[in-house]
Amino acid sequence: MNLAQRLAALGLALALVPTAGVAKSRVDDKIAAQKAKLHAVHERLNAKRNQLDQAKSRVGSIASELAQTNHNIASVNSQIGAIQSRIRSTQRKLAWNQLQLVAAQRTLQRHQDALNRRIVDAYEHGDLGYVDVLLSARSFGDFVERWNDIRYLIKANEATIRERQSDEAHVVAIRDGLVGTQAELQGEQAQAQQQQLALDSLAQQRRILLAAADAERASVQTEVNELDEESAASEAALEQLIRAKQEEEEQRRLAARRAAQLAGVELPPEPHAPGELSWPASGPISSPFGMRNNPVTHAFILHAGIDIAVNSGTTVMAAADGKVIVAGWDDGGCGNMVVIDHGGRLATQYCHLSQIFVGVGQEVQRGQAIAASGSTGNSTGPHLHFGVRVDGRPVDPMTYLR
């Protein structure tokens, strides 16, 4: 077959697939629309997550204030308990003091009554008892001795009365001091009880505020959960469209190969064996493929690729020949992202880029610079996230890298 015949055959073969461009345009439009929808969902989700963080902060703040108030209430209750214990002790001392005072007063009264009787008898009748004692003396010396004894007895009675009066005054002073102490303690108790009432009222107010804040947090959490579900559904729809795009590219590629074969062009075998991909950047693996706790969201989910530790601005290269099917911002956490379709339903994904050098629909070659690494999207630092997908499903890139 000469060259003219080959070209004619190639043109005929290409004419057999006239709808590829139209179908491609429709899928691209759907992808763009779905990305716009996903972006809107993520904007609402981020706003609600910020609102949720604020609600959680309010709950934590009010809970801390309530805990401090409860601590203060416990402290005041303990203080009231100590005051009441001291009041009871003072009351016991007052009761005992009152008994001592009554006993002293009774003793004093007896002595006073006896002295009064003697005084009355001496005034009315003379103190015949003492006179009899004196007159019964057998000598002048005996008289003097008896006189001294009577004088000492009278002084002793008077001293006893004075002593009892002093004891009574001492007991009265102690009682007055205890009564004053009791009054002070009762004042402290009344003040502490007022403080307790104020703290109880404050605690009740804070419990109401905490309940309201927690209800708001629960409501916002429900909205966040709903938006998370909507986001997951939108991302799944976008993944489905990307798979459709890959299928479309696969059909286009197969049609082109068939056209080339009809034209007599010799084509190399299709590469589908492990090790067919080149490293997109040189650096150690900081996080492998597999389940892990996401360092940003802290959720235990699949890490659908490998993280290659490189500085920001490092050149990112295409892992194999292919066609760019996504180039731009991804709201799913990848930040700036490029996806390349390599045929055979195999695609590679490059995330967290600081710059993108290629556009959708552009053909790229293995090793071609397509972007620069960065830390956009959900990222804790500069690195390149590299993913491999077969039929839209993530697989371990290490089985394809060489």
Protein backbone atom coordinates (compact mmCIF):
# COMPACT_ATOMS: atom_id res chain seq x y z
CA MET A 1 0.00 0.00 0.00
CA ASN A 2 1.51 3.35 -1.05
CA LEU A 3 1.51 6.53 1.03
CA ALA A 4 -1.57 8.00 -0.67
CA GLN A 5 -3.54 4.86 -0.02
CA ARG A 6 -2.42 4.81 3.61
CA LEU A 7 -3.49 8.41 4.12
CA ALA A 8 -6.86 7.71 2.49
CA ALA A 9 -7.38 4.68 4.70
CA LEU A 10 -6.40 6.69 7.79
CA GLY A 11 -8.87 9.43 6.87
CA LEU A 12 -11.62 6.88 6.33
CA ALA A 13 -10.89 5.24 9.67
CA LEU A 14 -10.93 8.55 11.50
CA ALA A 15 -14.22 9.43 9.82
CA LEU A 16 -15.72 6.32 11.32
CA VAL A 17 -15.56 7.96 14.77
CA PRO A 18 -17.09 11.40 14.14
CA THR A 19 -18.71 11.89 17.58
CA ALA A 20 -15.59 11.70 19.72
CA GLY A 21 -15.08 15.45 19.86
CA VAL A 22 -18.74 16.14 20.64
CA ALA A 23 -18.87 13.52 23.39
CA LYS A 24 -15.62 14.84 24.81
CA SER A 25 -17.02 18.36 24.96
CA ARG A 26 -20.12 17.20 26.82
CA VAL A 27 -18.10 15.27 29.43
CA ASP A 28 -15.73 18.21 29.89
CA ASP A 29 -18.71 20.49 30.47
CA LYS A 30 -20.14 18.06 33.00
CA ILE A 31 -16.79 17.83 34.80
CA ALA A 32 -16.57 21.63 34.94
CA ALA A 33 -20.14 21.90 36.24
CA GLN A 34 -19.54 19.18 38.84
CA LYS A 35 -16.32 20.86 39.98
CA ALA A 36 -18.20 24.15 40.36
CA LYS A 37 -20.89 22.38 42.39
CA LEU A 38 -18.26 20.68 44.55
CA HIS A 39 -16.51 24.02 45.08
CA ALA A 40 -19.77 25.59 46.28
CA VAL A 41 -20.39 22.66 48.64
CA HIS A 42 -16.89 22.96 50.06
CA GLU A 43 -17.28 26.69 50.60
CA ARG A 44 -20.45 26.05 52.59
CA LEU A 45 -18.77 23.16 54.39
CA ASN A 46 -15.76 25.28 55.37
CA ALA A 47 -18.05 28.04 56.63
CA LYS A 48 -20.03 25.53 58.69
CA ARG A 49 -16.84 23.93 60.03
CA ASN A 50 -15.66 27.37 61.16
CA GLN A 51 -19.06 27.90 62.80
CA LEU A 52 -18.76 24.46 64.42
CA ASP A 53 -15.30 25.31 65.76
CA GLN A 54 -16.69 28.51 67.26
CA ALA A 55 -19.65 26.63 68.76
CA LYS A 56 -17.30 24.03 70.27
CA SER A 57 -15.12 26.83 71.63
CA ARG A 58 -18.16 28.45 73.28
CA VAL A 59 -19.23 25.13 74.77
CA GLY A 60 -15.72 24.58 76.13
CA SER A 61 -15.51 28.10 77.53
CA ILE A 62 -18.92 27.96 79.25
CA ALA A 63 -18.22 24.44 80.55
CA SER A 64 -14.93 25.71 82.03
CA GLU A 65 -16.71 28.66 83.65
CA LEU A 66 -19.40 26.33 85.03
CA ALA A 67 -16.75 23.99 86.42
CA GLN A 68 -15.06 26.95 88.14
CA THR A 69 -18.40 28.10 89.55
CA ASN A 70 -19.13 24.59 90.85
CA HIS A 71 -15.65 24.55 92.40
CA ASN A 72 -16.41 27.88 94.10
CA ILE A 73 -19.75 26.53 95.32
CA ALA A 74 -18.01 23.50 96.80
CA SER A 75 -15.48 25.81 98.48
CA VAL A 76 -18.25 28.00 99.96
CA ASN A 77 -20.16 24.90 101.11
CA SER A 78 -17.01 23.69 102.83
CA GLN A 79 -16.58 27.13 104.40
CA ILE A 80 -20.20 27.10 105.61
CA GLY A 81 -19.68 23.62 107.05
CA ALA A 82 -16.60 24.80 108.96
CA ILE A 83 -18.47 27.86 110.27
CA GLN A 84 -21.41 25.72 111.38
CA SER A 85 -19.01 23.35 113.14
CA ARG A 86 -17.44 26.32 114.99
CA ILE A 87 -20.92 27.62 115.86
CA ARG A 88 -21.86 24.24 117.35
CA SER A 89 -18.61 24.18 119.30
CA THR A 90 -19.25 27.70 120.58
CA GLN A 91 -22.81 26.75 121.54
CA ARG A 92 -21.49 23.76 123.52
CA LYS A 93 -19.01 26.03 125.29
CA LEU A 94 -21.79 28.52 126.01
CA ALA A 95 -23.96 25.77 127.48
CA TRP A 96 -21.12 24.58 129.74
CA ASN A 97 -20.27 28.18 130.67
CA GLN A 98 -23.90 28.78 131.55
CA LEU A 99 -23.84 25.77 133.89
CA GLN A 100 -20.69 27.09 135.58
CA LEU A 101 -22.23 30.53 135.87
CA VAL A 102 -25.40 29.16 137.46
CA ALA A 103 -23.36 27.09 139.91
CA ALA A 104 -21.18 30.08 140.82
CA GLN A 105 -24.20 32.29 141.22
CA ARG A 106 -25.88 29.74 143.47
CA THR A 107 -22.76 29.35 145.64
CA LEU A 108 -22.35 33.10 145.83
CA GLN A 109 -25.98 33.47 146.74
CA ARG A 110 -25.61 30.97 149.57
CA HIS A 111 -22.59 32.80 150.95
CA GLN A 112 -24.33 36.13 150.52
CA ASP A 113 -27.45 34.85 152.25
CA ALA A 114 -25.41 33.52 155.16
CA LEU A 115 -23.57 36.79 155.52
CA ASN A 116 -26.79 38.75 155.31
CA ARG A 117 -28.34 36.64 158.01
CA ARG A 118 -25.38 37.21 160.28
CA ILE A 119 -25.51 40.93 159.64
CA VAL A 120 -29.24 41.06 160.37
CA ASP A 121 -28.82 38.97 163.53
CA ALA A 122 -25.96 41.15 164.71
CA TYR A 123 -28.02 44.27 164.07
CA GLU A 124 -31.20 43.03 165.68
CA HIS A 125 -29.94 40.72 168.42
CA GLY A 126 -26.24 41.11 168.38
CA ASP A 127 -23.98 38.37 167.18
CA LEU A 128 -24.66 36.20 170.19
CA GLY A 129 -22.81 33.30 168.72
CA TYR A 130 -19.57 35.21 168.54
CA VAL A 131 -20.27 36.91 171.94
CA ASP A 132 -20.89 33.52 173.58
CA VAL A 133 -17.64 32.27 172.19
CA LEU A 134 -15.79 35.29 173.55
CA LEU A 135 -17.49 35.25 176.98
CA SER A 136 -16.78 31.58 177.45
CA ALA A 137 -13.05 32.32 177.42
CA ARG A 138 -11.25 31.07 180.59
CA SER A 139 -8.53 33.66 180.50
CA PHE A 140 -7.58 36.89 178.83
CA GLY A 141 -5.21 35.01 176.51
CA ASP A 142 -7.97 32.60 175.61
CA PHE A 143 -10.23 35.61 174.91
CA VAL A 144 -7.69 37.18 172.58
CA GLU A 145 -7.14 33.91 170.78
CA ARG A 146 -10.88 33.45 170.32
CA TRP A 147 -11.24 37.04 169.14
CA ASN A 148 -8.55 36.47 166.50
CA ASP A 149 -10.25 33.24 165.34
CA ILE A 150 -13.60 35.00 164.96
CA ARG A 151 -11.93 37.89 163.09
CA TYR A 152 -10.15 35.46 160.72
CA LEU A 153 -13.43 33.59 160.14
CA ILE A 154 -15.25 36.78 159.19
CA LYS A 155 -12.41 37.77 156.84
CA ALA A 156 -12.46 34.28 155.31
CA ASN A 157 -16.19 34.58 154.66
CA GLU A 158 -15.66 37.97 153.08
CA ALA A 159 -12.74 36.60 150.97
CA THR A 160 -14.86 33.68 149.85
CA ILE A 161 -17.60 36.07 148.76
CA ARG A 162 -15.11 38.23 146.88
CA GLU A 163 -13.61 35.11 145.24
CA ARG A 164 -17.02 33.92 144.17
CA GLN A 165 -17.82 37.36 142.84
CA SER A 166 -14.56 37.30 140.86
CA ASP A 167 -15.36 33.82 139.52
CA GLU A 168 -18.80 35.01 138.51
CA ALA A 169 -17.31 38.04 136.73
CA HIS A 170 -14.82 35.74 134.96
CA VAL A 171 -17.57 33.37 133.88
CA VAL A 172 -19.68 36.32 132.69
CA ALA A 173 -16.70 37.66 130.70
CA ILE A 174 -16.19 34.27 129.06
CA ARG A 175 -19.90 34.05 128.27
CA ASP A 176 -19.91 37.52 126.78
CA GLY A 177 -16.88 36.60 124.63
CA LEU A 178 -18.54 33.40 123.45
CA VAL A 179 -21.73 35.28 122.67
CA GLY A 180 -19.69 37.77 120.61
CA THR A 181 -17.88 34.93 118.82
CA GLN A 182 -21.18 33.25 118.08
CA ALA A 183 -22.57 36.49 116.65
CA GLU A 184 -19.49 36.88 114.45
CA LEU A 185 -19.79 33.29 113.23
CA GLN A 186 -23.47 33.73 112.49
CA GLY A 187 -22.59 36.86 110.50
CA GLU A 188 -19.96 34.91 108.55
CA GLN A 189 -22.48 32.14 107.97
CA ALA A 190 -25.08 34.58 106.66
CA GLN A 191 -22.51 36.16 104.34
CA ALA A 192 -21.35 32.74 103.07
CA GLN A 193 -24.95 31.68 102.50
CA GLN A 194 -25.58 34.84 100.47
CA GLN A 195 -22.46 34.05 98.43
CA GLN A 196 -23.72 30.49 97.99
CA LEU A 197 -27.08 31.75 96.70
CA ALA A 198 -25.33 34.07 94.23
CA LEU A 199 -23.09 31.23 93.02
CA ASP A 200 -26.06 28.87 92.70
CA SER A 201 -27.83 31.47 90.55
CA LEU A 202 -24.69 31.98 88.44
CA ALA A 203 -24.28 28.22 88.02
CA GLN A 204 -27.90 27.88 86.90
CA GLN A 205 -27.42 30.66 84.33
CA ARG A 206 -24.27 28.99 83.03
CA ARG A 207 -26.00 25.60 82.84
CA ILE A 208 -28.69 27.22 80.69
CA LEU A 209 -26.05 28.89 78.50
CA LEU A 210 -24.15 25.60 78.22
CA ALA A 211 -27.31 23.74 77.18
CA ALA A 212 -28.05 26.39 74.54
CA ALA A 213 -24.44 26.39 73.26
CA ASP A 214 -24.37 22.60 73.13
CA ALA A 215 -27.69 22.55 71.27
CA GLU A 216 -26.23 25.01 68.75
CA ARG A 217 -23.09 22.86 68.44
CA ALA A 218 -25.23 19.74 67.84
CA SER A 219 -27.28 21.58 65.21
CA VAL A 220 -24.19 22.85 63.38
CA GLN A 221 -22.61 19.39 63.67
CA THR A 222 -25.69 17.93 61.96
CA GLU A 223 -25.36 20.49 59.16
CA VAL A 224 -21.64 19.69 58.81
CA ASN A 225 -22.43 15.97 58.64
CA GLU A 226 -25.04 16.62 55.96
CA LEU A 227 -22.60 18.77 53.96
CA ASP A 228 -19.92 16.08 54.39
CA GLU A 229 -22.32 13.57 52.88
CA GLU A 230 -23.19 15.99 50.08
CA SER A 231 -19.49 16.63 49.49
CA ALA A 232 -18.76 12.90 49.40
CA ALA A 233 -21.60 12.39 46.92
CA SER A 234 -20.34 15.29 44.76
CA GLU A 235 -16.78 13.93 44.85
CA ALA A 236 -18.06 10.48 43.89
CA ALA A 237 -20.00 12.04 41.00
CA LEU A 238 -16.87 13.90 39.91
CA GLU A 239 -14.86 10.68 40.11
CA GLN A 240 -17.50 9.02 37.95
CA LEU A 241 -17.23 11.79 35.37
CA ILE A 242 -13.45 11.52 35.38
CA ARG A 243 -13.78 7.79 34.80
CA ALA A 244 -16.16 8.58 31.93
CA LYS A 245 -13.56 10.98 30.60
CA GLN A 246 -10.94 8.27 30.86
CA GLU A 247 -13.25 5.86 29.05
CA GLU A 248 -13.80 8.45 26.36
CA GLU A 249 -10.04 8.98 26.00
CA GLU A 250 -9.55 5.24 25.88
CA GLN A 251 -12.10 4.91 23.08
CA ARG A 252 -10.46 7.78 21.23
CA ARG A 253 -7.03 6.24 21.67
CA LEU A 254 -8.23 2.81 20.53
CA ALA A 255 -9.94 4.39 17.52
CA ALA A 256 -6.72 6.20 16.67
CA ARG A 257 -4.73 2.96 16.98
CA ARG A 258 -7.21 1.12 14.77
CA ALA A 259 -7.02 3.94 12.24
CA ALA A 260 -3.24 3.80 12.33
CA GLN A 261 -3.31 0.02 11.91
CA LEU A 262 -5.67 0.35 8.93
CA ALA A 263 -3.21 2.82 7.50
CA GLY A 264 -0.47 0.21 7.85
CA VAL A 265 1.40 2.08 10.61
CA GLU A 266 3.35 -0.23 12.90
CA LEU A 267 2.55 0.52 16.56
CA PRO A 268 4.42 -0.60 19.70
CA PRO A 269 2.61 -2.91 22.12
CA GLU A 270 0.52 -1.17 24.76
CA PRO A 271 2.38 -0.82 28.09
CA HIS A 272 0.37 -2.22 31.00
CA ALA A 273 3.03 -4.05 32.98
CA PRO A 274 4.17 -3.04 36.52
CA GLY A 275 7.10 -0.66 36.50
CA GLU A 276 5.86 1.32 33.51
CA LEU A 277 5.73 4.66 35.39
CA SER A 278 8.65 6.96 36.13
CA TRP A 279 9.06 8.80 39.42
CA PRO A 280 7.44 12.23 39.13
CA ALA A 281 9.94 13.75 41.60
CA SER A 282 13.01 12.61 43.50
CA GLY A 283 12.64 12.37 47.27
CA PRO A 284 11.92 10.03 50.18
CA ILE A 285 8.43 8.69 50.81
CA SER A 286 7.01 10.46 53.86
CA SER A 287 3.67 8.60 53.86
CA PRO A 288 2.94 5.35 51.97
CA PHE A 289 -0.26 4.11 50.34
CA GLY A 290 -2.84 2.63 52.73
CA MET A 291 -5.11 3.32 55.70
CA ARG A 292 -3.95 6.02 58.12
CA ASN A 293 -5.09 8.84 60.39
CA ASN A 294 -5.33 11.89 58.15
CA PRO A 295 -2.93 14.51 59.62
CA VAL A 296 -5.37 17.34 58.79
CA THR A 297 -8.86 15.89 59.42
CA HIS A 298 -7.65 13.17 61.85
CA ALA A 299 -10.06 10.70 60.23
CA PHE A 300 -8.92 7.11 59.71
CA ILE A 301 -9.22 6.81 55.92
CA LEU A 302 -7.38 5.47 52.90
CA HIS A 303 -4.34 7.44 51.83
CA ALA A 304 -4.89 6.92 48.09
CA GLY A 305 -1.31 7.52 46.99
CA ILE A 306 2.18 8.18 48.28
CA ASP A 307 3.65 11.41 49.65
CA ILE A 308 7.08 12.31 48.28
CA ALA A 309 8.97 14.72 50.52
CA VAL A 310 10.28 17.56 48.34
CA ASN A 311 10.73 21.29 48.81
CA SER A 312 8.16 23.72 47.51
CA GLY A 313 8.84 24.63 43.89
CA THR A 314 10.41 21.28 42.96
CA THR A 315 9.70 20.32 39.34
CA VAL A 316 7.02 17.66 38.97
CA MET A 317 7.28 15.47 35.85
CA ALA A 318 4.74 13.34 33.99
CA ALA A 319 5.14 9.69 35.02
CA ALA A 320 4.36 8.51 31.45
CA ASP A 321 3.02 9.68 28.11
CA GLY A 322 -0.59 10.73 28.23
CA LYS A 323 -3.21 13.43 28.03
CA VAL A 324 -4.11 15.93 30.73
CA ILE A 325 -7.74 15.49 31.74
CA VAL A 326 -7.76 17.64 34.92
CA ALA A 327 -5.67 20.71 35.66
CA GLY A 328 -6.74 23.16 38.36
CA TRP A 329 -8.00 23.53 41.89
CA ASP A 330 -9.52 20.52 43.67
CA ASP A 331 -11.89 21.13 46.59
CA GLY A 332 -11.49 17.59 47.88
CA GLY A 333 -8.27 18.50 49.68
CA CYS A 334 -5.72 18.09 46.86
CA GLY A 335 -5.38 21.81 46.24
CA ASN A 336 -3.87 22.47 42.82
CA MET A 337 -4.06 19.14 40.99
CA VAL A 338 -3.18 17.55 37.65
CA VAL A 339 -4.58 14.24 36.41
CA ILE A 340 -3.08 12.55 33.34
CA ASP A 341 -4.77 9.73 31.43
CA HIS A 342 -2.25 7.22 30.08
CA GLY A 343 -4.63 4.90 28.28
CA GLY A 344 -5.71 1.44 29.29
CA ARG A 345 -7.87 3.09 31.98
CA LEU A 346 -4.68 4.04 33.84
CA ALA A 347 -4.35 7.58 35.22
CA THR A 348 -1.90 9.39 37.48
CA GLN A 349 -2.69 12.16 39.94
CA TYR A 350 -0.41 14.97 41.21
CA CYS A 351 -1.61 17.04 44.22
CA HIS A 352 -0.74 20.05 46.43
CA LEU A 353 1.01 21.83 43.54
CA SER A 354 2.21 25.42 43.84
CA GLN A 355 2.07 25.94 40.05
CA ILE A 356 0.55 24.12 37.06
CA PHE A 357 2.35 24.23 33.69
CA VAL A 358 -0.16 22.29 31.55
CA GLY A 359 -3.81 22.54 30.55
CA VAL A 360 -6.73 20.17 30.00
CA GLY A 361 -6.49 18.35 26.68
CA GLN A 362 -2.71 18.80 26.38
CA GLU A 363 -0.62 15.82 25.32
CA VAL A 364 2.43 15.28 27.55
CA GLN A 365 5.49 13.06 27.36
CA ARG A 366 7.17 10.98 30.05
CA GLY A 367 9.50 13.20 32.09
CA GLN A 368 7.92 16.45 30.86
CA ALA A 369 7.63 19.19 33.49
CA ILE A 370 3.94 19.57 34.28
CA ALA A 371 3.93 21.47 37.58
CA ALA A 372 5.87 22.61 40.67
CA SER A 373 5.37 21.04 44.10
CA GLY A 374 3.82 22.97 46.97
CA SER A 375 1.52 22.74 49.96
CA THR A 376 -1.92 23.77 48.66
CA GLY A 377 -5.18 22.18 49.84
CA ASN A 378 -5.21 19.99 52.95
CA SER A 379 -1.50 19.77 53.55
CA THR A 380 0.76 20.02 56.60
CA GLY A 381 3.83 21.06 54.58
CA PRO A 382 5.48 21.03 51.15
CA HIS A 383 5.36 17.63 49.42
CA LEU A 384 4.01 15.91 46.32
CA HIS A 385 1.07 13.54 46.63
CA PHE A 386 1.29 11.05 43.75
CA GLY A 387 -1.60 8.70 43.05
CA VAL A 388 -2.31 5.99 40.49
CA ARG A 389 -5.83 4.94 39.50
CA VAL A 390 -7.01 2.01 37.39
CA ASP A 391 -10.64 2.20 36.26
CA GLY A 392 -10.98 5.08 38.72
CA ARG A 393 -9.92 2.98 41.72
CA PRO A 394 -6.79 3.98 43.67
CA VAL A 395 -3.96 1.45 43.64
CA ASP A 396 -0.54 1.43 45.28
CA PRO A 397 1.79 3.50 43.03
CA MET A 398 4.80 1.50 44.20
CA THR A 399 3.67 -1.45 42.04
CA TYR A 400 3.88 0.77 38.92
CA LEU A 401 6.97 2.88 39.61
CA ARG A 402 10.39 1.90 38.36
